[in-house]
Protein backbone atom coordinates (compact mmCIF):
# COMPACT_ATOMS: atom_id res chain seq x y z
CA MET A 1 84.90 106.22 55.56
CA THR A 2 85.01 107.15 59.17
CA LYS A 3 81.86 106.21 61.46
CA CYS A 4 80.58 108.16 64.15
CA ARG A 5 81.70 107.00 67.46
CA GLY A 6 78.63 107.92 68.92
CA CYS A 7 75.72 106.36 66.59
CA GLY A 8 77.81 104.44 64.02
CA ALA A 9 76.58 106.56 61.01
CA LEU A 10 79.62 106.97 58.39
CA LEU A 11 80.90 110.84 58.29
CA GLN A 12 79.76 113.09 55.64
CA SER A 13 79.31 116.84 55.15
CA GLU A 14 77.33 116.81 51.79
CA ASP A 15 73.62 116.91 53.47
CA LYS A 16 72.46 118.37 56.84
CA THR A 17 69.27 116.11 56.78
CA LYS A 18 71.10 113.06 56.30
CA PRO A 19 72.26 110.66 58.93
CA GLY A 20 76.10 111.16 59.79
CA TYR A 21 76.25 114.85 59.03
CA THR A 22 79.03 117.00 60.42
CA PRO A 23 80.35 120.36 59.41
CA LYS A 24 83.73 119.85 60.73
CA GLU A 25 86.46 118.47 59.21
CA GLY A 26 88.23 115.24 61.34
CA SER A 27 85.23 115.34 64.23
CA GLU A 28 84.67 112.01 65.74
CA TYR A 29 81.08 112.72 65.94
CA CYS A 30 78.18 113.91 63.34
CA GLN A 31 76.40 116.86 64.50
CA ARG A 32 73.16 115.15 65.99
CA CYS A 33 75.25 113.14 68.56
CA PHE A 34 76.84 115.92 69.51
CA ARG A 35 73.53 118.02 70.51
CA LEU A 36 72.00 114.97 72.01
CA ILE A 37 75.45 114.70 74.00
CA HIS A 38 76.17 118.48 75.46
CA TYR A 39 72.44 119.93 74.73
CA ASP A 40 69.78 116.58 74.81
CA ASP A 41 68.97 118.67 71.33
CA LEU A 42 67.03 115.99 68.47
CA THR A 43 68.18 117.66 65.21
CA VAL A 44 67.04 114.82 63.18
CA SER A 45 64.46 112.23 64.17
CA MET A 46 65.48 108.79 63.12
CA LYS A 47 62.71 106.63 65.21
CA THR A 48 61.24 105.04 62.24
CA GLY A 49 63.65 103.50 58.97
CA ILE A 50 65.34 100.77 60.37
CA ASP A 51 64.39 97.66 59.06
CA PRO A 52 64.53 94.99 62.04
CA ASP A 53 64.64 91.57 59.22
CA THR A 54 67.97 93.69 58.42
CA VAL A 55 69.38 93.29 61.36
CA PHE A 56 68.23 90.16 61.75
CA GLU A 57 70.19 88.67 59.02
CA ALA A 58 73.25 90.49 59.37
CA VAL A 59 73.24 88.70 63.30
CA GLU A 60 72.27 85.58 61.91
CA LYS A 61 75.44 85.56 59.93
CA LEU A 62 77.77 86.46 62.27
CA ASP A 63 80.31 83.90 64.93
CA ALA A 64 79.11 85.70 68.00
CA ALA A 65 77.25 85.58 71.54
CA VAL A 66 74.42 87.99 71.51
CA LEU A 67 73.57 90.68 74.59
CA TYR A 68 69.93 91.24 74.36
CA VAL A 69 69.00 94.38 76.62
CA CYS A 70 65.40 94.74 77.32
CA ASP A 71 63.76 97.56 79.98
CA LEU A 72 61.96 96.04 82.65
CA PHE A 73 59.72 98.81 83.04
CA ASP A 74 58.84 98.73 79.64
CA PHE A 75 59.08 95.21 78.84
CA GLU A 76 56.68 93.70 77.18
CA SER A 77 57.50 96.52 74.79
CA GLY A 78 60.85 95.16 74.55
CA MET A 79 60.14 91.04 73.38
CA ILE A 80 61.26 90.18 70.39
CA PRO A 81 58.73 86.66 69.97
CA GLY A 82 61.07 83.92 68.40
CA LEU A 83 64.40 86.04 68.58
CA THR A 84 66.16 82.76 69.11
CA ARG A 85 64.97 81.64 66.19
CA LYS A 86 65.55 84.77 64.31
CA ILE A 87 69.24 84.97 65.35
CA GLY A 88 69.74 81.43 64.30
CA ASP A 89 69.96 79.97 67.74
CA LYS A 90 72.98 81.92 69.04
CA ASP A 91 73.81 81.98 72.61
CA ILE A 92 72.02 84.50 74.60
CA VAL A 93 72.64 86.46 77.68
CA LEU A 94 69.77 89.04 78.55
CA ALA A 95 70.61 92.56 80.24
CA CYS A 96 66.98 93.56 82.01
CA THR A 97 67.88 97.31 82.74
CA LYS A 98 66.49 99.67 84.45
CA ARG A 99 65.56 97.93 87.43
CA ASP A 100 66.04 101.31 89.50
CA LEU A 101 63.02 102.06 88.09
CA LEU A 102 61.00 99.33 89.94
CA PRO A 103 59.93 99.79 93.41
CA ASP A 104 62.66 99.07 95.56
CA THR A 105 60.78 96.72 97.64
CA VAL A 106 60.43 94.08 94.81
CA SER A 107 63.12 91.45 94.87
CA HIS A 108 65.67 89.97 92.33
CA ASP A 109 63.96 86.84 92.44
CA LYS A 110 60.10 88.02 91.90
CA ILE A 111 60.97 89.75 89.25
CA ALA A 112 64.04 87.22 87.65
CA ARG A 113 60.36 84.52 88.13
CA PHE A 114 57.99 86.96 86.13
CA VAL A 115 61.01 87.35 83.31
CA PHE A 116 61.95 83.39 82.95
CA GLY A 117 57.44 83.22 82.21
CA ARG A 118 57.51 85.61 79.76
CA LEU A 119 60.19 84.14 78.09
CA LYS A 120 58.84 81.05 77.84
CA GLU A 121 55.64 82.28 76.44
CA TYR A 122 58.01 84.79 74.00
CA GLY A 123 59.81 81.67 72.64
CA ILE A 124 63.26 83.01 73.47
CA ARG A 125 65.83 80.99 74.87
CA ILE A 126 68.69 82.46 76.96
CA LYS A 127 71.62 81.26 78.67
CA GLU A 128 72.10 83.99 81.52
CA LEU A 129 69.79 86.58 82.54
CA VAL A 130 71.06 89.97 84.51
CA LEU A 131 69.00 92.76 86.05
CA VAL A 132 71.17 96.33 85.43
CA SER A 133 70.11 99.50 87.36
CA GLY A 134 71.15 102.61 85.18
CA ILE A 135 71.95 105.30 87.80
CA THR A 136 73.68 102.47 90.31
CA LYS A 137 75.31 100.72 87.88
CA GLU A 138 74.47 97.59 90.05
CA GLY A 139 74.73 94.61 87.38
CA ILE A 140 77.30 95.86 85.53
CA GLU A 141 80.27 93.01 86.47
CA GLU A 142 77.61 90.47 86.50
CA VAL A 143 77.11 91.52 82.89
CA ARG A 144 79.96 91.99 81.81
CA SER A 145 81.05 88.27 83.87
CA ALA A 146 78.03 86.79 82.25
CA VAL A 147 79.03 88.03 78.56
CA ASP A 148 82.77 86.20 79.32
CA LYS A 149 81.68 83.16 80.26
CA THR A 150 79.48 82.55 77.17
CA SER A 151 81.15 84.47 74.57
CA HIS A 152 84.19 81.83 74.60
CA GLY A 153 86.62 84.79 72.86
CA ARG A 154 83.73 85.46 70.28
CA PRO A 155 82.55 88.93 69.33
CA VAL A 156 79.15 90.15 71.13
CA VAL A 157 76.62 91.40 69.27
CA VAL A 158 74.26 94.02 71.32
CA MET A 159 70.82 93.85 70.45
CA GLY A 160 67.37 95.02 71.37
CA ARG A 161 64.53 96.93 70.94
CA ALA A 162 64.95 101.04 70.39
CA ASN A 163 65.24 102.68 74.13
CA SER A 164 66.14 99.63 75.35
CA GLY A 165 69.13 100.85 76.88
CA LYS A 166 72.29 99.37 74.71
CA SER A 167 74.29 102.40 74.56
CA THR A 168 73.81 103.40 77.90
CA LEU A 169 74.63 99.44 79.31
CA LEU A 170 77.64 99.67 76.40
CA ASN A 171 78.87 103.23 78.38
CA GLY A 172 78.48 101.47 81.60
CA LEU A 173 80.55 98.40 80.81
CA ALA A 174 83.70 100.48 79.07
CA GLY A 175 83.41 102.79 81.71
CA ASN A 176 83.14 106.38 79.81
CA ALA A 177 80.55 107.83 77.26
CA VAL A 178 81.41 106.25 74.21
CA LEU A 179 78.62 105.87 72.39
CA THR A 180 75.88 108.34 72.03
CA SER A 181 72.72 107.44 74.49
CA SER A 182 69.32 109.33 74.96
CA ARG A 183 65.41 108.78 75.16
CA TYR A 184 64.92 109.15 71.99
CA PRO A 185 64.12 105.74 70.03
CA GLY A 186 66.89 105.45 66.61
CA THR A 187 69.51 107.03 68.52
CA THR A 188 72.53 104.37 66.71
CA LEU A 189 71.77 103.70 63.28
CA GLU A 190 74.50 101.01 62.16
CA PHE A 191 76.64 98.63 63.28
CA ASN A 192 79.29 99.92 65.32
CA GLU A 193 82.43 98.30 66.80
CA LEU A 194 83.88 98.84 69.94
CA LYS A 195 86.36 96.55 72.36
CA ILE A 196 85.99 96.73 75.99
CA GLY A 197 88.84 95.12 77.88
CA ASP A 198 89.72 91.64 75.27
CA THR A 199 85.60 91.61 73.95
CA VAL A 200 84.55 93.13 70.97
CA TYR A 201 81.10 94.70 71.42
CA ILE A 202 78.73 95.46 68.29
CA ASP A 203 76.36 97.69 69.25
CA THR A 204 73.58 97.20 66.57
CA PRO A 205 70.62 99.67 65.62
CA GLY A 206 67.25 99.33 67.98
CA ILE A 207 64.76 97.18 66.63
CA GLU A 208 61.91 99.50 65.83
CA ILE A 209 59.38 99.91 68.41
CA THR A 210 56.79 100.45 66.03
CA LYS A 211 53.81 99.51 68.15
CA SER A 212 54.81 101.54 70.87
CA MET A 213 53.31 104.72 72.51
CA ILE A 214 56.58 106.08 72.31
CA MET A 215 56.65 106.24 68.39
CA SER A 216 52.36 107.68 68.98
CA ILE A 217 53.58 111.06 70.83
CA PRO A 218 55.63 114.02 69.78
CA GLU A 219 59.08 113.67 70.64
CA THR A 220 58.52 116.86 72.59
CA ASP A 221 56.59 114.17 75.18
CA LEU A 222 59.16 111.75 76.11
CA LYS A 223 60.10 113.72 78.96
CA THR A 224 56.90 113.66 80.33
CA VAL A 225 56.23 110.37 79.14
CA LEU A 226 59.39 107.85 80.15
CA PRO A 227 60.23 107.56 84.04
CA ALA A 228 63.69 109.05 84.81
CA ARG A 229 63.72 107.91 88.41
CA THR A 230 62.30 104.85 90.27
CA VAL A 231 58.25 104.67 90.06
CA LYS A 232 56.41 105.47 92.93
CA PRO A 233 52.95 102.93 92.94
CA LYS A 234 49.77 105.56 92.42
CA VAL A 235 47.21 102.96 94.51
CA PHE A 236 43.21 103.99 93.49
CA GLN A 237 40.79 101.89 95.53
CA ILE A 238 37.18 101.88 93.78
CA HIS A 239 33.93 100.33 95.11
CA GLU A 240 31.85 101.56 91.34
CA ASP A 241 32.89 101.30 87.73
CA GLN A 242 35.80 104.14 87.44
CA THR A 243 37.55 105.26 84.58
CA PHE A 244 41.18 106.23 85.10
CA SER A 245 42.30 108.87 81.92
CA ILE A 246 46.03 108.70 81.01
CA GLY A 247 46.45 112.24 79.33
CA GLY A 248 44.71 112.10 76.38
CA LEU A 249 47.28 109.11 75.68
CA ALA A 250 44.91 106.47 77.07
CA ARG A 251 41.58 105.10 78.80
CA VAL A 252 40.99 102.16 81.12
CA ASP A 253 37.48 101.40 82.27
CA VAL A 254 37.24 98.66 85.08
CA ALA A 255 33.75 97.13 85.84
CA CYS A 256 33.97 96.82 89.76
CA GLY A 257 31.85 94.44 91.70
CA SER A 258 31.80 95.30 95.49
CA ALA A 259 35.77 96.28 95.86
CA ALA A 260 39.03 96.38 94.02
CA THR A 261 42.41 98.18 94.12
CA VAL A 262 44.25 99.68 90.83
CA THR A 263 47.67 100.86 90.88
CA TRP A 264 49.13 102.32 88.07
CA TYR A 265 52.86 102.55 87.50
CA LEU A 266 54.20 105.49 85.34
CA SER A 267 56.32 108.76 84.39
CA ASP A 268 55.57 110.83 87.79
CA ARG A 269 54.95 113.51 85.13
CA LEU A 270 51.61 111.64 84.50
CA GLU A 271 48.94 111.63 87.16
CA PRO A 272 45.72 109.03 86.12
CA HIS A 273 42.74 111.44 85.82
CA ARG A 274 40.13 109.11 88.40
CA SER A 275 36.30 109.49 87.06
CA LYS A 276 33.37 107.85 87.07
CA THR A 277 32.71 105.65 84.12
CA ARG A 278 28.92 106.49 83.01
CA ALA A 279 30.93 109.92 83.13
CA ALA A 280 33.94 109.01 81.12
CA ASP A 281 32.71 109.90 78.02
CA ASP A 282 31.58 113.34 78.55
CA LEU A 283 35.12 114.10 80.10
CA TRP A 284 37.10 112.69 77.59
CA GLU A 285 35.10 115.18 74.75
CA ARG A 286 34.97 118.23 76.82
CA GLN A 287 38.96 118.09 78.07
CA TYR A 288 40.93 116.19 75.67
CA GLY A 289 43.64 118.26 74.84
CA LYS A 290 43.10 120.73 77.88
CA LEU A 291 42.79 118.64 80.98
CA LEU A 292 43.68 115.71 79.19
CA VAL A 293 46.86 116.12 78.25
CA PRO A 294 49.69 115.19 76.40
CA VAL A 295 47.49 114.14 73.30
CA PRO A 296 48.98 111.64 70.56
CA LEU A 297 50.05 112.83 67.22
CA HIS A 298 47.04 111.29 65.81
CA ASN A 299 43.12 111.02 66.90
CA GLU A 300 42.55 107.58 66.38
CA PHE A 301 42.14 105.55 68.96
CA THR A 302 40.88 101.78 69.67
CA SER A 303 39.15 99.76 72.46
CA ARG A 304 39.88 96.49 73.62
CA THR A 305 38.34 94.37 76.57
CA PHE A 306 39.83 91.84 78.67
CA ARG A 307 38.47 89.67 81.56
CA LYS A 308 40.47 89.84 84.72
CA ASP A 309 41.31 85.48 85.21
CA GLU A 310 44.25 85.92 87.82
CA GLU A 311 44.16 87.26 91.22
CA LYS A 312 45.98 90.34 90.02
CA ASN A 313 46.59 90.75 86.37
CA ASP A 314 48.40 93.65 84.62
CA ILE A 315 47.20 96.06 81.81
CA CYS A 316 50.30 96.56 79.86
CA ILE A 317 50.50 99.86 76.90
CA ASP A 318 53.68 99.86 75.08
CA GLY A 319 56.13 103.27 75.76
CA LEU A 320 53.77 104.28 78.72
CA GLY A 321 53.27 102.21 81.37
CA TRP A 322 50.89 99.72 83.22
CA CYS A 323 48.18 99.20 86.26
CA CYS A 324 47.73 96.15 87.86
CA ILE A 325 44.13 95.16 89.09
CA SER A 326 43.21 93.37 91.86
CA GLY A 327 40.10 92.46 93.79
CA ASP A 328 36.44 92.04 92.27
CA ALA A 329 37.04 93.76 89.14
CA THR A 330 35.26 91.86 86.11
CA VAL A 331 36.04 93.55 83.01
CA ILE A 332 38.44 95.73 81.88
CA ARG A 333 38.44 98.04 78.81
CA VAL A 334 41.15 100.15 77.38
CA LYS A 335 41.52 102.30 74.82
CA THR A 336 44.75 103.57 73.14
CA PRO A 337 46.12 105.25 70.16
CA ALA A 338 45.23 102.64 67.31
CA ASP A 339 48.60 101.31 66.54
CA VAL A 340 49.47 100.82 70.14
CA ASN A 341 50.00 97.82 71.67
CA VAL A 342 48.23 96.49 74.96
CA THR A 343 49.77 93.37 76.54
CA PHE A 344 47.21 91.44 79.57
CA ARG A 345 49.29 89.47 81.50
CA LYS A 346 49.81 88.00 85.00
CA ALA A 347 50.71 90.67 87.42
CA MET A 348 54.65 91.11 87.44
CA LEU A 349 54.92 92.87 90.85
């Protein structure tokens, strides 16, 4: 049986709704990958249904090093708590992709210190850390060097959350677009082996991001929510209780004393809508789905409350972005779809 070069699914011509379908005999790519590569057209959604435990168990059995890929912009969503234990204490190189989405003014050293601090909290031990930029390809050779140093000739398993940039990174290492890469989660469907130089890489299905905004919105809105270029911080000075609505996807209420600063890091297609907190409920009720767009697939929201405990704290909404709050702010209330994870952390930048 022949596998699709793009996603690893077994090629078949019987069922259009299942992975690996191609109407063309002798094709190297399934129809889904072909249309993603050439037209950015998603014909079959596979953002759910790949069991993460199956991936962990298969990786644990392999005599291999691991290239763990995490999206810096959506860092918390990319973390897999206890990963070291889940895959049998293998040697891990961590490649943090999409460095180019963060402001150029932030140093690599500052980002690295942040990453190592968070890894410790998540119980993940690594051998090497490399920051990678998708547009400039900066860091690609450093990844290659770190992998060679760590693998000692063994195969290298490439793993990470869905939409972390695994296939894009592998294409960068290969020097050409061998694998299908796209903004849609679930692009890689099976273990997919390829040789780059003297090293065998094994691409794996993305670990499902069950608690991300990406899973809670229509796939047609991914272009709006996922940033495609360097994010420009959106800075707001506040002197009273203020609310920030990100479309109809999320709402952050900031209780302010004398003065505070709220800085948003989002796709440039999303603009925080600022209002007084006392008027925010009325605004949400009247403008949800009108002024406040896009909206999630299901109108089921939950609220979480946090107390600022650092000079600067981040409120991270998986799959959407984050805001940094500094100054005289006390209580922060966050409203998101019920199945979306929110992380309260010491500021990244």
